[in-house]
Amino acid sequence: MNIGIDIIENKRIAKKLKNDAFIKKIFSEKELEKYNSIHNKQSKIEFASGRFSAKEAIVKASNKSLLFHKIEIINSISGMPEVYYESKRKKNIILSISHERKTSVSVAIIN
């Protein structure tokens, strides 16, 4: 079992969100659709920071070099984040994402 954790200041991601190349680098197509559907600025920042933090935690837990835009995090009906890589569900990854106004934190456990 491997564990990865990441915490980030949301303002760091907020600055990077002005760069389209950064957005395309971190989001899958479905995540980009979700991001673009959010109209509240703070909610957009928290969504992006949470996804960035989660993907960092997944990379740390996997101990591999993974492309962020190929890691896809989709919330189930219950709200639980589910992880896909290259469109394949990764049931062996347990993920938790939390964000506040200033920070986002994620923990990934890979069985």
C-alpha atoms as a PDB file:
ATOM      1  CA  MET A   1       0.000   0.000   0.000  1.00  0.00           C
ATOM      2  CA  ASN A   2       1.268   3.468  -0.912  1.00  0.00           C
ATOM      3  CA  ILE A   3       0.083   6.822   0.393  1.00  0.00           C
ATOM      4  CA  GLY A   4       0.476  10.261  -1.165  1.00  0.00           C
ATOM      5  CA  ILE A   5      -0.564  13.612   0.293  1.00  0.00           C
ATOM      6  CA  ASP A   6      -0.471  17.118  -1.112  1.00  0.00           C
ATOM      7  CA  ILE A   7      -1.467  20.563   0.115  1.00  0.00           C
ATOM      8  CA  ILE A   8      -1.463  23.741  -1.934  1.00  0.00           C
ATOM      9  CA  GLU A   9      -2.296  27.400  -1.452  1.00  0.00           C
ATOM     10  CA  ASN A  10      -5.260  28.190  -3.680  1.00  0.00           C
ATOM     11  CA  LYS A  11      -3.818  31.576  -4.652  1.00  0.00           C
ATOM     12  CA  ARG A  12      -0.885  29.810  -6.373  1.00  0.00           C
ATOM     13  CA  ILE A  13      -3.305  27.926  -8.609  1.00  0.00           C
ATOM     14  CA  ALA A  14      -5.486  31.030  -9.109  1.00  0.00           C
ATOM     15  CA  LYS A  15      -2.524  32.809 -10.718  1.00  0.00           C
ATOM     16  CA  LYS A  16      -1.852  29.863 -13.044  1.00  0.00           C
ATOM     17  CA  LEU A  17      -5.485  29.628 -14.168  1.00  0.00           C
ATOM     18  CA  LYS A  18      -4.906  32.682 -16.368  1.00  0.00           C
ATOM     19  CA  ASN A  19      -2.746  30.457 -18.586  1.00  0.00           C
ATOM     20  CA  ASP A  20      -4.736  28.225 -20.991  1.00  0.00           C
ATOM     21  CA  ALA A  21      -1.751  25.892 -21.408  1.00  0.00           C
ATOM     22  CA  PHE A  22      -1.731  25.222 -17.659  1.00  0.00           C
ATOM     23  CA  ILE A  23      -5.472  24.469 -17.680  1.00  0.00           C
ATOM     24  CA  LYS A  24      -5.085  22.004 -20.562  1.00  0.00           C
ATOM     25  CA  LYS A  25      -2.126  20.400 -18.801  1.00  0.00           C
ATOM     26  CA  ILE A  26      -4.018  19.594 -15.597  1.00  0.00           C
ATOM     27  CA  PHE A  27      -7.614  18.864 -16.672  1.00  0.00           C
ATOM     28  CA  SER A  28      -9.083  15.985 -18.638  1.00  0.00           C
ATOM     29  CA  GLU A  29     -11.832  16.883 -21.120  1.00  0.00           C
ATOM     30  CA  LYS A  30     -14.612  16.009 -18.639  1.00  0.00           C
ATOM     31  CA  GLU A  31     -12.916  17.963 -15.858  1.00  0.00           C
ATOM     32  CA  LEU A  32     -12.521  20.949 -18.175  1.00  0.00           C
ATOM     33  CA  GLU A  33     -16.252  20.806 -18.946  1.00  0.00           C
ATOM     34  CA  LYS A  34     -17.022  20.778 -15.212  1.00  0.00           C
ATOM     35  CA  TYR A  35     -14.549  23.626 -14.569  1.00  0.00           C
ATOM     36  CA  ASN A  36     -16.086  25.738 -17.332  1.00  0.00           C
ATOM     37  CA  SER A  37     -19.595  25.139 -15.955  1.00  0.00           C
ATOM     38  CA  ILE A  38     -18.676  26.732 -12.602  1.00  0.00           C
ATOM     39  CA  HIS A  39     -19.570  30.423 -12.567  1.00  0.00           C
ATOM     40  CA  ASN A  40     -18.416  31.468  -9.095  1.00  0.00           C
ATOM     41  CA  LYS A  41     -14.748  32.575  -9.209  1.00  0.00           C
ATOM     42  CA  GLN A  42     -13.837  31.184  -5.760  1.00  0.00           C
ATOM     43  CA  SER A  43     -15.526  27.860  -6.529  1.00  0.00           C
ATOM     44  CA  LYS A  44     -13.547  27.604  -9.785  1.00  0.00           C
ATOM     45  CA  ILE A  45     -10.300  28.205  -7.906  1.00  0.00           C
ATOM     46  CA  GLU A  46     -11.174  25.619  -5.245  1.00  0.00           C
ATOM     47  CA  PHE A  47     -12.168  23.051  -7.899  1.00  0.00           C
ATOM     48  CA  ALA A  48      -8.899  23.547  -9.794  1.00  0.00           C
ATOM     49  CA  SER A  49      -6.770  23.542  -6.633  1.00  0.00           C
ATOM     50  CA  GLY A  50      -8.489  20.425  -5.346  1.00  0.00           C
ATOM     51  CA  ARG A  51      -7.939  18.569  -8.626  1.00  0.00           C
ATOM     52  CA  PHE A  52      -4.311  19.704  -8.813  1.00  0.00           C
ATOM     53  CA  SER A  53      -3.685  18.636  -5.213  1.00  0.00           C
ATOM     54  CA  ALA A  54      -5.408  15.275  -5.789  1.00  0.00           C
ATOM     55  CA  LYS A  55      -3.363  14.539  -8.885  1.00  0.00           C
ATOM     56  CA  GLU A  56      -0.140  15.425  -7.046  1.00  0.00           C
ATOM     57  CA  ALA A  57      -1.142  13.022  -4.251  1.00  0.00           C
ATOM     58  CA  ILE A  58      -1.884  10.272  -6.794  1.00  0.00           C
ATOM     59  CA  VAL A  59       1.487  10.760  -8.496  1.00  0.00           C
ATOM     60  CA  LYS A  60       3.268  10.643  -5.131  1.00  0.00           C
ATOM     61  CA  ALA A  61       1.424   7.471  -4.099  1.00  0.00           C
ATOM     62  CA  SER A  62       2.031   5.765  -7.440  1.00  0.00           C
ATOM     63  CA  ASN A  63       5.716   6.692  -7.461  1.00  0.00           C
ATOM     64  CA  LYS A  64       5.429   7.082 -11.247  1.00  0.00           C
ATOM     65  CA  SER A  65       5.555   9.983 -13.650  1.00  0.00           C
ATOM     66  CA  LEU A  66       1.911  10.375 -14.753  1.00  0.00           C
ATOM     67  CA  LEU A  67       0.411  13.016 -17.019  1.00  0.00           C
ATOM     68  CA  PHE A  68      -2.098  15.117 -15.093  1.00  0.00           C
ATOM     69  CA  HIS A  69      -4.550  15.472 -17.985  1.00  0.00           C
ATOM     70  CA  LYS A  70      -4.724  11.663 -18.252  1.00  0.00           C
ATOM     71  CA  ILE A  71      -5.681  11.373 -14.577  1.00  0.00           C
ATOM     72  CA  GLU A  72      -9.398  12.046 -14.381  1.00  0.00           C
ATOM     73  CA  ILE A  73     -11.285  12.608 -11.146  1.00  0.00           C
ATOM     74  CA  ILE A  74     -15.044  12.334 -11.409  1.00  0.00           C
ATOM     75  CA  ASN A  75     -17.390  12.563  -8.451  1.00  0.00           C
ATOM     76  CA  SER A  76     -19.817   9.678  -8.078  1.00  0.00           C
ATOM     77  CA  ILE A  77     -23.508  10.297  -7.368  1.00  0.00           C
ATOM     78  CA  SER A  78     -22.674  10.192  -3.655  1.00  0.00           C
ATOM     79  CA  GLY A  79     -19.960  12.821  -4.169  1.00  0.00           C
ATOM     80  CA  MET A  80     -17.039  10.461  -3.634  1.00  0.00           C
ATOM     81  CA  PRO A  81     -14.132  11.156  -6.024  1.00  0.00           C
ATOM     82  CA  GLU A  82     -13.403   8.281  -8.401  1.00  0.00           C
ATOM     83  CA  VAL A  83     -10.086   8.064 -10.238  1.00  0.00           C
ATOM     84  CA  TYR A  84      -9.648   7.129 -13.888  1.00  0.00           C
ATOM     85  CA  TYR A  85      -6.402   6.914 -15.827  1.00  0.00           C
ATOM     86  CA  GLU A  86      -6.585   6.943 -19.611  1.00  0.00           C
ATOM     87  CA  SER A  87     -10.369   6.400 -19.259  1.00  0.00           C
ATOM     88  CA  LYS A  88      -9.992   3.264 -17.118  1.00  0.00           C
ATOM     89  CA  ARG A  89     -11.426   3.268 -13.581  1.00  0.00           C
ATOM     90  CA  LYS A  90      -8.760   2.710 -10.943  1.00  0.00           C
ATOM     91  CA  LYS A  91     -10.640   0.953  -8.135  1.00  0.00           C
ATOM     92  CA  ASN A  92      -7.360   0.422  -6.274  1.00  0.00           C
ATOM     93  CA  ILE A  93      -7.029   4.188  -5.615  1.00  0.00           C
ATOM     94  CA  ILE A  94      -8.830   5.726  -2.661  1.00  0.00           C
ATOM     95  CA  LEU A  95      -8.882   9.520  -2.799  1.00  0.00           C
ATOM     96  CA  SER A  96      -9.971  12.292  -0.468  1.00  0.00           C
ATOM     97  CA  ILE A  97     -10.018  15.979  -1.432  1.00  0.00           C
ATOM     98  CA  SER A  98     -10.741  18.898   0.876  1.00  0.00           C
ATOM     99  CA  HIS A  99     -10.539  22.617   0.301  1.00  0.00           C
ATOM    100  CA  GLU A 100     -10.966  25.790   2.243  1.00  0.00           C
ATOM    101  CA  ARG A 101     -10.774  29.358   1.024  1.00  0.00           C
ATOM    102  CA  LYS A 102      -6.957  29.457   1.261  1.00  0.00           C
ATOM    103  CA  THR A 103      -5.794  25.852   0.838  1.00  0.00           C
ATOM    104  CA  SER A 104      -6.623  22.505  -0.747  1.00  0.00           C
ATOM    105  CA  VAL A 105      -5.399  19.148   0.535  1.00  0.00           C
ATOM    106  CA  SER A 106      -5.652  15.627  -0.854  1.00  0.00           C
ATOM    107  CA  VAL A 107      -4.742  12.135   0.241  1.00  0.00           C
ATOM    108  CA  ALA A 108      -4.417   9.192  -2.143  1.00  0.00           C
ATOM    109  CA  ILE A 109      -4.054   5.581  -1.070  1.00  0.00           C
ATOM    110  CA  ILE A 110      -3.131   2.939  -3.624  1.00  0.00           C
ATOM    111  CA  ASN A 111      -3.697  -0.694  -2.660  1.00  0.00           C
END
